[in-house]
Amino acid sequence: MARAARKWQIIEPPEFECTSNAYHIGGKRYLRVTHTLSIIGKPGLVAWFLKVGKKEADRVRTNRQNLGTRVHKLIELDLKGAEYSLKNDEDEVKEDLELFSHFKKDCKLVPEGLEQHLWSNKYDYAGTADFIGKYVSNEKYKVRGHTLLFTKPAQVLIDWKTAKVISDEYWLQMAAYMVAFEELTGIKLKGAVIVQIRFGKIKIREKTYDELIEEFDAYLAALKLYKWKHKKWNRCY
């Protein structure tokens, strides 16, 4: 699938490194968006961890993380029109990619940026957006009770999720990416979409630009709390 001709460009400095909790860009350190959100408690996850025990919890989390990473990479290759093989992949991965092959056509995906690095010089955070480009809502994938927002081609952020539960914190992540994109390019996206690929189905959740700006206030609060909790952030590295 060819990328759309785009009217924006994000130039990464020669010095660009991504670590487990931060990005180092042009001699400056930026906290990873996903890492800062770890400051928000997850009581359901803690309860599950205590129920199954550390060994089993670590095994399941590692397996799910590896599967999610693989699905993300295959989707990226698919959207680039690159060749890939599913020969050695497990059945769930094969099923996910089969579902995605229909989804990308049904929602008329036109990528402008894939695995796009984004950062905010104003707020000192950074992250990687799965997809930036054109998208059209499709009734086939709507979550019950959800209103479809993008009935005409819209320039949006999309995040692929293989998680069992789509938590509210994911929207804070999308809001942070959207604001960083606007800071770097001057372009206001129409909104964002979370695409859940799990249980043999694809489900979509959507939010507009204005809705995400409200979520961004909550992200800034989490970022401030993270910096307060981890005061070494303010020290030289």
Protein backbone atom coordinates (compact mmCIF):
# COMPACT_ATOMS: atom_id res chain seq x y z
CA MET A 1 0.00 0.00 0.00
CA ALA A 2 1.53 3.30 -1.08
CA ARG A 3 1.68 6.17 1.35
CA ALA A 4 -0.27 9.33 0.62
CA ALA A 5 1.53 12.46 -0.51
CA ARG A 6 1.77 14.43 2.69
CA LYS A 7 2.08 18.10 3.51
CA TRP A 8 4.15 17.60 6.65
CA GLN A 9 7.64 16.50 7.54
CA ILE A 10 9.26 15.75 10.88
CA ILE A 11 13.05 15.79 10.73
CA GLU A 12 14.79 13.83 13.46
CA PRO A 13 18.12 15.20 14.74
CA PRO A 14 21.21 13.03 14.09
CA GLU A 15 21.36 12.29 17.81
CA PHE A 16 18.26 10.17 18.41
CA GLU A 17 18.11 7.27 20.87
CA CYS A 18 15.17 5.47 22.46
CA THR A 19 15.59 3.76 25.86
CA SER A 20 13.13 1.98 28.14
CA ASN A 21 11.93 5.17 29.82
CA ALA A 22 13.09 8.08 27.68
CA TYR A 23 14.10 9.38 24.28
CA HIS A 24 17.38 11.28 23.82
CA ILE A 25 16.88 13.74 20.98
CA GLY A 26 19.39 16.36 19.94
CA GLY A 27 21.12 16.32 23.31
CA LYS A 28 17.89 16.61 25.31
CA ARG A 29 16.06 13.98 27.35
CA TYR A 30 12.33 13.41 26.83
CA LEU A 31 10.24 11.08 28.98
CA ARG A 32 8.39 8.29 27.15
CA VAL A 33 4.64 8.87 27.16
CA THR A 34 3.84 5.23 27.96
CA HIS A 35 6.35 5.22 30.79
CA THR A 36 4.97 8.35 32.44
CA LEU A 37 1.50 6.80 32.43
CA SER A 38 2.81 4.02 34.68
CA ILE A 39 2.31 6.51 37.51
CA ILE A 40 -1.45 5.81 37.26
CA GLY A 41 -2.44 2.86 39.44
CA LYS A 42 -4.05 -0.23 37.91
CA PRO A 43 -5.89 -2.03 40.74
CA GLY A 44 -7.38 -4.63 38.41
CA LEU A 45 -3.93 -5.61 37.15
CA VAL A 46 -2.57 -5.76 40.69
CA ALA A 47 -5.47 -8.02 41.78
CA TRP A 48 -4.81 -10.37 38.85
CA PHE A 49 -1.07 -10.40 39.64
CA LEU A 50 -1.77 -11.40 43.25
CA LYS A 51 -4.25 -14.05 42.16
CA VAL A 52 -2.04 -15.92 39.68
CA GLY A 53 1.35 -15.24 41.27
CA LYS A 54 4.47 -13.52 39.98
CA LYS A 55 5.80 -16.40 37.89
CA GLU A 56 2.58 -16.93 35.95
CA ALA A 57 1.90 -13.20 35.64
CA ASP A 58 5.37 -12.61 34.19
CA ARG A 59 4.94 -15.49 31.74
CA VAL A 60 1.57 -14.23 30.47
CA ARG A 61 2.73 -10.62 30.23
CA THR A 62 5.87 -11.57 28.33
CA ASN A 63 3.89 -13.73 25.88
CA ARG A 64 1.31 -10.99 25.30
CA GLN A 65 3.98 -8.31 24.88
CA ASN A 66 5.83 -10.43 22.34
CA LEU A 67 2.62 -11.14 20.43
CA GLY A 68 1.65 -7.46 20.45
CA THR A 69 5.09 -6.43 19.20
CA ARG A 70 4.91 -8.97 16.39
CA VAL A 71 1.42 -7.90 15.30
CA HIS A 72 2.48 -4.24 15.31
CA LYS A 73 5.49 -5.02 13.12
CA LEU A 74 3.46 -7.08 10.66
CA ILE A 75 0.82 -4.35 10.35
CA GLU A 76 3.59 -1.84 9.63
CA LEU A 77 5.03 -4.11 6.92
CA ASP A 78 1.56 -4.71 5.48
CA LEU A 79 0.81 -0.99 5.22
CA LYS A 80 4.20 -0.38 3.61
CA GLY A 81 3.44 -3.04 1.01
CA ALA A 82 6.50 -5.01 2.12
CA GLU A 83 6.75 -8.78 1.91
CA TYR A 84 6.49 -10.87 5.07
CA SER A 85 5.86 -14.46 6.06
CA LEU A 86 3.51 -15.85 8.70
CA LYS A 87 4.86 -19.37 8.35
CA ASN A 88 6.36 -19.54 11.84
CA ASP A 89 3.77 -17.40 13.60
CA GLU A 90 1.16 -18.72 15.99
CA ASP A 91 -2.49 -18.97 14.97
CA GLU A 92 -3.55 -15.83 16.83
CA VAL A 93 -1.07 -13.70 14.88
CA LYS A 94 -2.24 -15.19 11.58
CA GLU A 95 -5.86 -14.52 12.51
CA ASP A 96 -5.07 -10.93 13.52
CA LEU A 97 -3.39 -10.21 10.18
CA GLU A 98 -6.27 -11.75 8.26
CA LEU A 99 -8.68 -9.49 10.14
CA PHE A 100 -6.46 -6.49 9.48
CA SER A 101 -6.36 -7.16 5.73
CA HIS A 102 -10.12 -6.58 5.64
CA PHE A 103 -10.05 -3.70 8.10
CA LYS A 104 -7.55 -1.60 6.12
CA LYS A 105 -9.81 -1.81 3.05
CA ASP A 106 -13.08 -1.30 4.91
CA CYS A 107 -11.74 1.81 6.68
CA LYS A 108 -9.85 3.07 3.61
CA LEU A 109 -6.53 3.47 5.37
CA VAL A 110 -4.00 5.71 3.62
CA PRO A 111 -0.79 5.96 5.68
CA GLU A 112 1.22 9.16 5.80
CA GLY A 113 3.44 8.11 8.69
CA LEU A 114 4.07 4.71 10.29
CA GLU A 115 5.90 4.19 13.59
CA GLN A 116 6.36 7.95 13.59
CA HIS A 117 8.49 9.42 16.36
CA LEU A 118 6.89 12.43 18.04
CA TRP A 119 8.15 14.69 20.79
CA SER A 120 7.18 17.87 22.59
CA ASN A 121 9.84 20.48 23.26
CA LYS A 122 7.31 22.38 25.37
CA TYR A 123 6.48 19.52 27.76
CA ASP A 124 9.56 17.25 27.49
CA TYR A 125 7.89 14.00 26.45
CA ALA A 126 8.16 11.74 23.41
CA GLY A 127 6.62 8.62 21.89
CA THR A 128 5.96 6.68 18.71
CA ALA A 129 2.63 6.80 16.85
CA ASP A 130 1.61 3.59 15.08
CA PHE A 131 -0.22 5.32 12.22
CA ILE A 132 -0.86 8.85 10.99
CA GLY A 133 -2.99 9.22 7.90
CA LYS A 134 -6.42 9.02 6.33
CA TYR A 135 -9.18 6.85 7.79
CA VAL A 136 -12.95 6.42 7.43
CA SER A 137 -15.19 4.99 10.17
CA ASN A 138 -16.98 1.73 9.38
CA GLU A 139 -20.09 0.42 11.11
CA LYS A 140 -18.75 -3.12 10.87
CA TYR A 141 -16.19 -2.44 13.61
CA LYS A 142 -18.15 -0.16 15.90
CA VAL A 143 -18.20 -0.83 19.63
CA ARG A 144 -21.75 -1.07 20.96
CA GLY A 145 -23.04 2.34 22.04
CA HIS A 146 -20.26 4.17 20.23
CA THR A 147 -20.98 6.96 17.72
CA LEU A 148 -18.94 6.87 14.53
CA LEU A 149 -17.13 10.18 14.13
CA PHE A 150 -15.23 10.05 10.86
CA THR A 151 -17.75 9.21 8.14
CA LYS A 152 -15.61 11.03 5.55
CA PRO A 153 -11.84 10.57 5.06
CA ALA A 154 -10.13 12.17 8.06
CA GLN A 155 -6.50 12.67 9.00
CA VAL A 156 -6.11 10.89 12.34
CA LEU A 157 -3.78 9.05 14.67
CA ILE A 158 -4.36 5.31 15.03
CA ASP A 159 -3.01 2.97 17.68
CA TRP A 160 -3.16 -0.82 17.33
CA LYS A 161 -3.95 -2.61 20.59
CA THR A 162 -3.95 -6.35 21.27
CA ALA A 163 -4.86 -5.88 24.95
CA LYS A 164 -7.85 -7.60 26.49
CA VAL A 165 -9.15 -4.37 28.02
CA ILE A 166 -8.95 -0.88 26.48
CA SER A 167 -8.24 1.37 29.45
CA ASP A 168 -8.97 5.09 29.69
CA GLU A 169 -5.23 5.77 30.00
CA TYR A 170 -4.80 4.88 26.34
CA TRP A 171 -6.60 8.09 25.42
CA LEU A 172 -4.09 10.10 27.42
CA GLN A 173 -1.37 8.51 25.30
CA MET A 174 -3.19 9.44 22.08
CA ALA A 175 -3.79 12.98 23.31
CA ALA A 176 -0.09 13.44 24.06
CA TYR A 177 0.86 12.20 20.58
CA MET A 178 -1.70 14.44 18.91
CA VAL A 179 -0.47 17.55 20.72
CA ALA A 180 3.17 16.71 19.91
CA PHE A 181 2.29 16.22 16.24
CA GLU A 182 0.63 19.63 16.12
CA GLU A 183 3.62 21.24 17.85
CA LEU A 184 6.04 19.72 15.33
CA THR A 185 4.00 20.28 12.16
CA GLY A 186 1.41 22.96 12.87
CA ILE A 187 -1.31 20.55 11.72
CA LYS A 188 -4.45 19.84 13.76
CA LEU A 189 -5.52 16.24 13.28
CA LYS A 190 -9.22 15.43 13.26
CA GLY A 191 -8.79 13.04 16.17
CA ALA A 192 -7.61 9.56 17.04
CA VAL A 193 -8.70 5.95 16.82
CA ILE A 194 -7.88 2.98 19.03
CA VAL A 195 -8.13 -0.29 17.11
CA GLN A 196 -8.46 -3.33 19.34
CA ILE A 197 -7.50 -6.63 17.70
CA ARG A 198 -8.44 -9.44 20.06
CA PHE A 199 -10.79 -12.41 20.46
CA GLY A 200 -11.04 -12.90 16.70
CA LYS A 201 -12.52 -9.42 16.19
CA ILE A 202 -11.53 -5.86 15.47
CA LYS A 203 -13.27 -3.08 17.39
CA ILE A 204 -12.77 0.66 17.01
CA ARG A 205 -13.04 3.52 19.46
CA GLU A 206 -12.76 7.11 18.26
CA LYS A 207 -12.32 10.58 19.75
CA THR A 208 -12.26 14.01 18.14
CA TYR A 209 -9.54 16.62 18.46
CA ASP A 210 -11.60 18.58 21.01
CA GLU A 211 -12.23 15.47 23.11
CA LEU A 212 -8.53 14.64 23.12
CA ILE A 213 -7.54 18.15 24.16
CA GLU A 214 -9.58 17.56 27.32
CA GLU A 215 -7.75 14.25 27.83
CA PHE A 216 -4.45 16.08 27.40
CA ASP A 217 -5.06 18.02 30.62
CA ALA A 218 -5.15 14.68 32.44
CA TYR A 219 -1.96 13.58 30.71
CA LEU A 220 -0.16 16.73 31.85
CA ALA A 221 -1.28 16.00 35.40
CA ALA A 222 0.14 12.48 35.15
CA LEU A 223 3.37 13.85 33.69
CA LYS A 224 3.70 16.37 36.51
CA LEU A 225 3.06 13.67 39.11
CA TYR A 226 5.62 11.38 37.48
CA LYS A 227 8.27 14.11 37.58
CA TRP A 228 7.43 14.81 41.22
CA LYS A 229 7.69 11.13 42.11
CA HIS A 230 10.93 10.64 40.17
CA LYS A 231 12.84 13.76 41.07
CA LYS A 232 15.99 12.46 39.39
CA TRP A 233 14.31 13.60 36.16
CA ASN A 234 15.55 17.09 36.97
CA ARG A 235 19.17 15.96 37.33
CA CYS A 236 21.75 15.65 34.62
CA TYR A 237 21.99 12.18 33.08
